[in-house]
Amino acid sequence: MEYNFLMDIAVQLPKSYTTDAPIDVTAANEIEALKEKIKLLEAEKQILLQVIRAKNGVTL
């Protein structure tokens, strides 16, 4: 049986209860890194499109 009884009990505790357990921020860090990568790739794409347009004599 794969069931997390402790988590089931924990979600019933009041929000004022605290813990010293470390928070796993791995996923959040990876998401932020990927967002930055997307921004960089979008900027590179715009530069490449400008170069292609300039090479083909297309102006905006």
N, C-alpha and C. Protein backbone atom coordinates (compact mmCIF):
# COMPACT_ATOMS: atom_id res chain seq x y z
N MET A 1 0.84 -1.16 0.00
CA MET A 1 0.00 0.00 0.00
C MET A 1 0.89 1.24 0.00
N GLU A 2 0.67 2.11 -0.95
CA GLU A 2 1.46 3.34 -1.05
C GLU A 2 0.58 4.52 -0.67
N TYR A 3 0.63 4.88 0.60
CA TYR A 3 -0.18 6.00 1.08
C TYR A 3 0.60 6.72 2.17
N ASN A 4 0.63 8.03 2.11
CA ASN A 4 1.37 8.83 3.06
C ASN A 4 0.43 9.28 4.20
N PHE A 5 0.35 8.46 5.22
CA PHE A 5 -0.53 8.76 6.36
C PHE A 5 -0.09 10.02 7.09
N LEU A 6 1.21 10.22 7.19
CA LEU A 6 1.71 11.41 7.90
C LEU A 6 1.29 12.70 7.19
N MET A 7 1.36 12.72 5.88
CA MET A 7 0.95 13.91 5.14
C MET A 7 -0.55 14.13 5.29
N ASP A 8 -1.31 13.05 5.31
CA ASP A 8 -2.75 13.14 5.49
C ASP A 8 -3.09 13.80 6.83
N ILE A 9 -2.35 13.45 7.85
CA ILE A 9 -2.56 14.05 9.17
C ILE A 9 -2.04 15.49 9.18
N ALA A 10 -0.91 15.73 8.54
CA ALA A 10 -0.28 17.05 8.54
C ALA A 10 -1.17 18.11 7.91
N VAL A 11 -1.88 17.77 6.84
CA VAL A 11 -2.71 18.78 6.18
C VAL A 11 -3.91 19.18 7.03
N GLN A 12 -4.21 18.40 8.06
CA GLN A 12 -5.32 18.72 8.94
C GLN A 12 -4.90 19.64 10.10
N LEU A 13 -3.59 19.82 10.27
CA LEU A 13 -3.10 20.68 11.35
C LEU A 13 -3.34 22.15 11.01
N PRO A 14 -3.48 22.98 12.03
CA PRO A 14 -3.67 24.42 11.79
C PRO A 14 -2.45 25.02 11.07
N LYS A 15 -2.68 26.08 10.30
CA LYS A 15 -1.60 26.74 9.56
C LYS A 15 -0.57 27.37 10.49
N SER A 16 -0.94 27.62 11.73
CA SER A 16 -0.02 28.27 12.67
C SER A 16 1.09 27.32 13.13
N TYR A 17 0.94 26.02 12.90
CA TYR A 17 1.98 25.07 13.27
C TYR A 17 3.14 25.23 12.30
N THR A 18 4.36 25.15 12.83
CA THR A 18 5.54 25.32 11.99
C THR A 18 6.38 24.05 12.01
N THR A 19 7.38 24.05 11.15
CA THR A 19 8.30 22.92 11.07
C THR A 19 9.70 23.44 10.81
N ASP A 20 10.68 22.64 11.18
CA ASP A 20 12.08 22.97 10.89
C ASP A 20 12.59 22.17 9.70
N ALA A 21 11.70 21.44 9.05
CA ALA A 21 12.09 20.62 7.91
C ALA A 21 12.54 21.54 6.77
N PRO A 22 13.61 21.17 6.09
CA PRO A 22 14.08 22.00 4.98
C PRO A 22 13.06 21.96 3.83
N ILE A 23 12.91 23.09 3.18
CA ILE A 23 11.99 23.20 2.05
C ILE A 23 12.76 22.89 0.77
N ASP A 24 12.20 22.00 -0.03
CA ASP A 24 12.85 21.63 -1.29
C ASP A 24 12.51 22.70 -2.33
N VAL A 25 13.52 23.46 -2.73
CA VAL A 25 13.32 24.53 -3.70
C VAL A 25 13.94 24.18 -5.06
N THR A 26 14.26 22.91 -5.24
CA THR A 26 14.88 22.47 -6.48
C THR A 26 14.02 22.79 -7.69
N ALA A 27 12.73 22.46 -7.60
CA ALA A 27 11.82 22.69 -8.72
C ALA A 27 11.68 24.18 -9.00
N ALA A 28 11.55 24.98 -7.96
CA ALA A 28 11.40 26.43 -8.13
C ALA A 28 12.65 27.02 -8.78
N ASN A 29 13.82 26.55 -8.37
CA ASN A 29 15.07 27.04 -8.96
C ASN A 29 15.16 26.66 -10.43
N GLU A 30 14.75 25.44 -10.75
CA GLU A 30 14.79 24.99 -12.14
C GLU A 30 13.82 25.80 -13.00
N ILE A 31 12.65 26.10 -12.47
CA ILE A 31 11.67 26.89 -13.21
C ILE A 31 12.23 28.28 -13.49
N GLU A 32 12.85 28.91 -12.50
CA GLU A 32 13.43 30.23 -12.70
C GLU A 32 14.55 30.19 -13.74
N ALA A 33 15.37 29.15 -13.69
CA ALA A 33 16.45 29.02 -14.67
C ALA A 33 15.89 28.86 -16.08
N LEU A 34 14.82 28.09 -16.20
CA LEU A 34 14.20 27.89 -17.50
C LEU A 34 13.54 29.17 -18.02
N LYS A 35 12.95 29.96 -17.13
CA LYS A 35 12.37 31.24 -17.53
C LYS A 35 13.44 32.17 -18.07
N GLU A 36 14.60 32.20 -17.41
CA GLU A 36 15.71 33.03 -17.88
C GLU A 36 16.21 32.54 -19.24
N LYS A 37 16.27 31.24 -19.40
CA LYS A 37 16.71 30.65 -20.67
C LYS A 37 15.75 31.03 -21.80
N ILE A 38 14.45 31.03 -21.51
CA ILE A 38 13.45 31.41 -22.50
C ILE A 38 13.65 32.86 -22.91
N LYS A 39 13.89 33.75 -21.93
CA LYS A 39 14.12 35.16 -22.25
C LYS A 39 15.34 35.32 -23.16
N LEU A 40 16.40 34.59 -22.85
CA LEU A 40 17.62 34.66 -23.66
C LEU A 40 17.35 34.15 -25.07
N LEU A 41 16.65 33.04 -25.19
CA LEU A 41 16.36 32.47 -26.51
C LEU A 41 15.46 33.38 -27.32
N GLU A 42 14.49 34.04 -26.68
CA GLU A 42 13.62 34.98 -27.38
C GLU A 42 14.44 36.15 -27.93
N ALA A 43 15.37 36.66 -27.13
CA ALA A 43 16.22 37.76 -27.58
C ALA A 43 17.10 37.33 -28.74
N GLU A 44 17.67 36.14 -28.65
CA GLU A 44 18.50 35.62 -29.74
C GLU A 44 17.69 35.44 -31.01
N LYS A 45 16.46 34.97 -30.87
CA LYS A 45 15.59 34.79 -32.03
C LYS A 45 15.33 36.12 -32.72
N GLN A 46 15.08 37.17 -31.94
CA GLN A 46 14.82 38.48 -32.52
C GLN A 46 16.04 38.99 -33.28
N ILE A 47 17.21 38.77 -32.71
CA ILE A 47 18.45 39.20 -33.39
C ILE A 47 18.63 38.43 -34.69
N LEU A 48 18.39 37.14 -34.66
CA LEU A 48 18.53 36.34 -35.88
C LEU A 48 17.53 36.78 -36.95
N LEU A 49 16.30 37.07 -36.55
CA LEU A 49 15.30 37.54 -37.51
C LEU A 49 15.72 38.87 -38.13
N GLN A 50 16.30 39.75 -37.33
CA GLN A 50 16.77 41.04 -37.84
C GLN A 50 17.90 40.84 -38.85
N VAL A 51 18.80 39.92 -38.54
CA VAL A 51 19.92 39.65 -39.45
C VAL A 51 19.41 39.07 -40.77
N ILE A 52 18.46 38.16 -40.69
CA ILE A 52 17.91 37.54 -41.90
C ILE A 52 17.19 38.58 -42.74
N ARG A 53 16.41 39.45 -42.06
CA ARG A 53 15.70 40.51 -42.80
C ARG A 53 16.68 41.46 -43.47
N ALA A 54 17.74 41.82 -42.76
CA ALA A 54 18.73 42.73 -43.31
C ALA A 54 19.44 42.10 -44.50
N LYS A 55 19.72 40.82 -44.40
CA LYS A 55 20.42 40.12 -45.48
C LYS A 55 19.54 40.03 -46.73
N ASN A 56 18.25 39.88 -46.54
CA ASN A 56 17.31 39.75 -47.65
C ASN A 56 16.78 41.11 -48.12
N GLY A 57 17.19 42.20 -47.48
CA GLY A 57 16.77 43.53 -47.87
C GLY A 57 15.37 43.88 -47.43
N VAL A 58 14.83 43.18 -46.47
CA VAL A 58 13.48 43.46 -45.96
C VAL A 58 13.60 44.42 -44.79
N THR A 59 12.82 45.50 -44.83
CA THR A 59 12.82 46.45 -43.72
C THR A 59 11.44 46.53 -43.11
N LEU A 60 11.40 46.88 -41.86
CA LEU A 60 10.11 47.05 -41.18
C LEU A 60 9.82 48.48 -40.91
